[in-house]
């Protein structure tokens, strides 16, 4: 499975409230469609597969929402493409590609979501690494 294309089709951030006492942040990835693409410009014995997805970060209760939609294009063996499309008829994803597919979406969409959250002054949906000043006790324990 070779990734040959990745596009964002929708980038949306909406802040619906200014303050909230408690905040719950949930992330959801949905595969919306999987289909084979017939392309004249693609001269290969491999098949081309288009996967449409949505990546949504919900800030509840009713605080904000980040919505990203896009698609990926994969080059695959024709046999694998047939298996994937057969499974997709039941809205299931072939286990052989599931992990790789979701990791690509997570990597690309999470970075874009973090950018949108920063621009809209929203709390980031994943914790960022940070340095903390260590106490003298911790230093002494580390030297033992």
C-alpha atoms as a PDB file:
ATOM      1  CA  UNK A   1       0.000   0.000   0.000  1.00  0.00           C
ATOM      2  CA  UNK A   2       1.608   3.206  -1.179  1.00  0.00           C
ATOM      3  CA  UNK A   3       0.224   6.663  -0.378  1.00  0.00           C
ATOM      4  CA  UNK A   4       0.205   8.709  -3.596  1.00  0.00           C
ATOM      5  CA  UNK A   5      -1.959  11.654  -2.551  1.00  0.00           C
ATOM      6  CA  UNK A   6      -3.501  13.446   0.418  1.00  0.00           C
ATOM      7  CA  UNK A   7      -5.889  16.414   0.297  1.00  0.00           C
ATOM      8  CA  UNK A   8      -7.872  18.441   2.779  1.00  0.00           C
ATOM      9  CA  UNK A   9     -11.326  19.372   1.440  1.00  0.00           C
ATOM     10  CA  UNK A  10     -12.718  21.129   4.501  1.00  0.00           C
ATOM     11  CA  UNK A  11     -11.013  22.942   7.364  1.00  0.00           C
ATOM     12  CA  UNK A  12     -13.420  24.404   9.885  1.00  0.00           C
ATOM     13  CA  UNK A  13     -13.117  25.722  13.425  1.00  0.00           C
ATOM     14  CA  UNK A  14     -16.063  27.192  15.284  1.00  0.00           C
ATOM     15  CA  UNK A  15     -16.045  28.595  18.782  1.00  0.00           C
ATOM     16  CA  UNK A  16     -19.599  28.856  20.130  1.00  0.00           C
ATOM     17  CA  UNK A  17     -18.940  30.027  23.707  1.00  0.00           C
ATOM     18  CA  UNK A  18     -16.356  32.128  25.509  1.00  0.00           C
ATOM     19  CA  UNK A  19     -16.097  30.336  28.827  1.00  0.00           C
ATOM     20  CA  UNK A  20     -17.109  27.036  30.286  1.00  0.00           C
ATOM     21  CA  UNK A  21     -16.704  25.616  33.764  1.00  0.00           C
ATOM     22  CA  UNK A  22     -15.812  22.101  32.644  1.00  0.00           C
ATOM     23  CA  UNK A  23     -14.554  20.989  29.274  1.00  0.00           C
ATOM     24  CA  UNK A  24     -14.625  17.583  27.617  1.00  0.00           C
ATOM     25  CA  UNK A  25     -12.591  17.101  24.430  1.00  0.00           C
ATOM     26  CA  UNK A  26     -13.305  14.151  22.132  1.00  0.00           C
ATOM     27  CA  UNK A  27     -11.701  13.260  18.814  1.00  0.00           C
ATOM     28  CA  UNK A  28     -13.431  11.133  16.196  1.00  0.00           C
ATOM     29  CA  UNK A  29     -12.230   9.775  12.850  1.00  0.00           C
ATOM     30  CA  UNK A  30     -14.763   8.455  10.349  1.00  0.00           C
ATOM     31  CA  UNK A  31     -14.142   6.840   6.999  1.00  0.00           C
ATOM     32  CA  UNK A  32     -16.899   8.256   4.803  1.00  0.00           C
ATOM     33  CA  UNK A  33     -16.244   6.458   1.528  1.00  0.00           C
ATOM     34  CA  UNK A  34     -13.816   4.088  -0.146  1.00  0.00           C
ATOM     35  CA  UNK A  35     -13.864   3.763  -3.914  1.00  0.00           C
ATOM     36  CA  UNK A  36     -11.637   2.760  -6.771  1.00  0.00           C
ATOM     37  CA  UNK A  37     -10.482   5.517  -9.094  1.00  0.00           C
ATOM     38  CA  UNK A  38     -10.006   4.994 -12.799  1.00  0.00           C
ATOM     39  CA  UNK A  39      -7.436   7.493 -14.022  1.00  0.00           C
ATOM     40  CA  UNK A  40      -5.969   7.794 -17.513  1.00  0.00           C
ATOM     41  CA  UNK A  41      -2.868   9.541 -16.171  1.00  0.00           C
ATOM     42  CA  UNK A  42      -2.105   6.623 -13.860  1.00  0.00           C
ATOM     43  CA  UNK A  43      -0.140   4.136 -15.946  1.00  0.00           C
ATOM     44  CA  UNK A  44       0.484   1.204 -13.642  1.00  0.00           C
ATOM     45  CA  UNK A  45      -0.712  -2.326 -13.104  1.00  0.00           C
ATOM     46  CA  UNK A  46      -1.672  -1.209  -9.605  1.00  0.00           C
ATOM     47  CA  UNK A  47      -5.125   0.037  -8.616  1.00  0.00           C
ATOM     48  CA  UNK A  48      -5.834   3.508  -7.287  1.00  0.00           C
ATOM     49  CA  UNK A  49      -8.086   3.775  -4.234  1.00  0.00           C
ATOM     50  CA  UNK A  50      -9.707   6.955  -2.887  1.00  0.00           C
ATOM     51  CA  UNK A  51     -10.560   7.105   0.830  1.00  0.00           C
ATOM     52  CA  UNK A  52     -12.694  10.014   2.098  1.00  0.00           C
ATOM     53  CA  UNK A  53     -12.527  10.778   5.820  1.00  0.00           C
ATOM     54  CA  UNK A  54     -13.639  13.196   8.496  1.00  0.00           C
ATOM     55  CA  UNK A  55     -11.704  14.148  11.618  1.00  0.00           C
ATOM     56  CA  UNK A  56     -13.700  15.968  14.277  1.00  0.00           C
ATOM     57  CA  UNK A  57     -12.629  17.423  17.602  1.00  0.00           C
ATOM     58  CA  UNK A  58     -15.630  18.251  19.802  1.00  0.00           C
ATOM     59  CA  UNK A  59     -15.301  20.517  22.806  1.00  0.00           C
ATOM     60  CA  UNK A  60     -18.332  19.911  24.989  1.00  0.00           C
ATOM     61  CA  UNK A  61     -20.602  21.092  26.392  1.00  0.00           C
ATOM     62  CA  UNK A  62     -21.223  23.281  23.322  1.00  0.00           C
ATOM     63  CA  UNK A  63     -17.911  25.143  23.464  1.00  0.00           C
ATOM     64  CA  UNK A  64     -16.224  24.554  20.097  1.00  0.00           C
ATOM     65  CA  UNK A  65     -15.764  22.192  17.175  1.00  0.00           C
ATOM     66  CA  UNK A  66     -12.899  21.547  14.763  1.00  0.00           C
ATOM     67  CA  UNK A  67     -13.913  19.696  11.603  1.00  0.00           C
ATOM     68  CA  UNK A  68     -11.527  18.441   8.953  1.00  0.00           C
ATOM     69  CA  UNK A  69     -12.480  16.474   5.861  1.00  0.00           C
ATOM     70  CA  UNK A  70     -10.159  15.094   3.253  1.00  0.00           C
ATOM     71  CA  UNK A  71      -9.179  12.209   1.075  1.00  0.00           C
ATOM     72  CA  UNK A  72      -6.228   9.913   0.546  1.00  0.00           C
ATOM     73  CA  UNK A  73      -5.157   8.115  -2.607  1.00  0.00           C
ATOM     74  CA  UNK A  74      -3.446   4.738  -2.343  1.00  0.00           C
ATOM     75  CA  UNK A  75      -1.739   2.595  -4.934  1.00  0.00           C
ATOM     76  CA  UNK A  76      -2.532  -1.084  -4.309  1.00  0.00           C
ATOM     77  CA  UNK A  77      -2.454  -4.505  -5.880  1.00  0.00           C
ATOM     78  CA  UNK A  78      -5.729  -5.113  -7.777  1.00  0.00           C
ATOM     79  CA  UNK A  79      -6.429  -8.185  -5.617  1.00  0.00           C
ATOM     80  CA  UNK A  80      -6.118  -6.128  -2.400  1.00  0.00           C
ATOM     81  CA  UNK A  81      -8.325  -3.400  -3.869  1.00  0.00           C
ATOM     82  CA  UNK A  82     -11.075  -5.943  -4.559  1.00  0.00           C
ATOM     83  CA  UNK A  83     -10.846  -7.247  -0.981  1.00  0.00           C
ATOM     84  CA  UNK A  84     -11.043  -3.714   0.432  1.00  0.00           C
ATOM     85  CA  UNK A  85     -14.054  -2.786  -1.704  1.00  0.00           C
ATOM     86  CA  UNK A  86     -15.818  -6.047  -0.819  1.00  0.00           C
ATOM     87  CA  UNK A  87     -15.386  -5.325   2.914  1.00  0.00           C
ATOM     88  CA  UNK A  88     -16.440  -1.696   2.435  1.00  0.00           C
ATOM     89  CA  UNK A  89     -19.847  -2.791   1.101  1.00  0.00           C
ATOM     90  CA  UNK A  90     -20.565  -3.675   4.753  1.00  0.00           C
ATOM     91  CA  UNK A  91     -18.862  -0.444   5.937  1.00  0.00           C
ATOM     92  CA  UNK A  92     -15.922  -2.439   7.284  1.00  0.00           C
ATOM     93  CA  UNK A  93     -12.243  -1.783   6.694  1.00  0.00           C
ATOM     94  CA  UNK A  94      -9.831  -4.549   5.802  1.00  0.00           C
ATOM     95  CA  UNK A  95      -7.612  -5.209   8.830  1.00  0.00           C
ATOM     96  CA  UNK A  96      -4.472  -5.255   6.636  1.00  0.00           C
ATOM     97  CA  UNK A  97      -4.825  -1.545   5.849  1.00  0.00           C
ATOM     98  CA  UNK A  98      -6.734  -0.243   8.876  1.00  0.00           C
ATOM     99  CA  UNK A  99      -3.767   0.627  11.093  1.00  0.00           C
ATOM    100  CA  UNK A 100      -1.762   2.322   8.341  1.00  0.00           C
ATOM    101  CA  UNK A 101      -4.820   4.233   7.086  1.00  0.00           C
ATOM    102  CA  UNK A 102      -5.767   5.610  10.505  1.00  0.00           C
ATOM    103  CA  UNK A 103      -2.156   6.475  11.371  1.00  0.00           C
ATOM    104  CA  UNK A 104      -1.815   8.565   8.202  1.00  0.00           C
ATOM    105  CA  UNK A 105      -5.076  10.394   8.934  1.00  0.00           C
ATOM    106  CA  UNK A 106      -4.088  10.914  12.582  1.00  0.00           C
ATOM    107  CA  UNK A 107      -0.690  12.318  11.664  1.00  0.00           C
ATOM    108  CA  UNK A 108      -1.885  14.752   9.000  1.00  0.00           C
ATOM    109  CA  UNK A 109      -5.213  15.805  10.532  1.00  0.00           C
ATOM    110  CA  UNK A 110      -3.928  16.163  14.104  1.00  0.00           C
ATOM    111  CA  UNK A 111      -1.245  18.611  12.972  1.00  0.00           C
ATOM    112  CA  UNK A 112      -3.822  20.640  11.053  1.00  0.00           C
ATOM    113  CA  UNK A 113      -6.270  20.547  13.998  1.00  0.00           C
ATOM    114  CA  UNK A 114      -3.559  21.827  16.367  1.00  0.00           C
ATOM    115  CA  UNK A 115      -2.904  24.727  13.995  1.00  0.00           C
ATOM    116  CA  UNK A 116      -6.630  25.582  13.802  1.00  0.00           C
ATOM    117  CA  UNK A 117      -7.004  25.326  17.584  1.00  0.00           C
ATOM    118  CA  UNK A 118      -4.078  27.686  18.094  1.00  0.00           C
ATOM    119  CA  UNK A 119      -5.528  30.181  15.592  1.00  0.00           C
ATOM    120  CA  UNK A 120      -8.942  30.118  17.323  1.00  0.00           C
ATOM    121  CA  UNK A 121      -7.344  30.312  20.790  1.00  0.00           C
ATOM    122  CA  UNK A 122      -8.819  26.953  21.832  1.00  0.00           C
ATOM    123  CA  UNK A 123      -7.231  24.552  24.288  1.00  0.00           C
ATOM    124  CA  UNK A 124      -5.199  21.970  22.385  1.00  0.00           C
ATOM    125  CA  UNK A 125      -6.902  18.588  22.159  1.00  0.00           C
ATOM    126  CA  UNK A 126      -3.678  16.723  22.956  1.00  0.00           C
ATOM    127  CA  UNK A 127      -1.165  17.718  25.603  1.00  0.00           C
ATOM    128  CA  UNK A 128       1.980  19.354  24.324  1.00  0.00           C
ATOM    129  CA  UNK A 129       5.306  18.405  25.861  1.00  0.00           C
ATOM    130  CA  UNK A 130       6.568  20.938  28.352  1.00  0.00           C
ATOM    131  CA  UNK A 131       9.563  21.385  30.612  1.00  0.00           C
ATOM    132  CA  UNK A 132       9.099  21.593  34.344  1.00  0.00           C
ATOM    133  CA  UNK A 133      11.539  22.958  36.822  1.00  0.00           C
ATOM    134  CA  UNK A 134      12.732  20.099  38.972  1.00  0.00           C
ATOM    135  CA  UNK A 135      12.878  20.467  42.726  1.00  0.00           C
ATOM    136  CA  UNK A 136      16.055  20.012  44.750  1.00  0.00           C
ATOM    137  CA  UNK A 137      14.568  16.802  46.260  1.00  0.00           C
ATOM    138  CA  UNK A 138      14.229  15.207  42.833  1.00  0.00           C
ATOM    139  CA  UNK A 139      17.836  16.063  42.024  1.00  0.00           C
ATOM    140  CA  UNK A 140      19.059  14.516  45.262  1.00  0.00           C
ATOM    141  CA  UNK A 141      17.010  11.343  44.679  1.00  0.00           C
ATOM    142  CA  UNK A 142      18.365  11.039  41.156  1.00  0.00           C
ATOM    143  CA  UNK A 143      21.961  11.197  42.471  1.00  0.00           C
ATOM    144  CA  UNK A 144      21.463   8.316  44.946  1.00  0.00           C
END
